[in-house]
Amino acid sequence: MKKTTIALLSAAVIFGLNGCGNDTPSSSAPKTYSKTPAEVYAQSCKKCHGEHAEGNPKKKGPALNDRQAGELELDLYDVKNGGTNQSSGTEHDIMEHNMQKLMEKGYDYDPKAMAEYIEKSFYKREVSEAH
């Protein structure tokens, strides 16, 4: 009887202490960003991608105003995460390097929010020629 009591108490202590010291923040908490997508675009992206996301050949910045949010989101995610091959296949080596520098300076962004901002602000829908 004494051995059973000791075993049960030991198990209770072990399982009880298992949760102690687990002060890591919940991974389900959404990340917050210090700048809005509009601020990030205006202060860092437009230099290479243009005032209206039309692109800047001198800086080798491709146009973004011809792409919808879904495609942009994949590319932006890829750029932020060092080329995880989630994008449409566009080469991002230079932008991946630049993005790391921009993030160090506080220009971090949520890929989905940034993609939605670019599409909403700059996307040029093709006009059908068959009216």
Foldseek 3Di string as FASTA:
>chain_A
DVVVVVVVVVVCVVVVCVPPPPPDDDPPDDDDAPDALVVLCVPPVCVAQNPQQCGDVVNPGHRPQADALVQQLQVVVCLCVVHPPSHPPDDCPVSSVVVVVCVVVRSDDRSNRNRNCSHVRHHDDDDDPPD
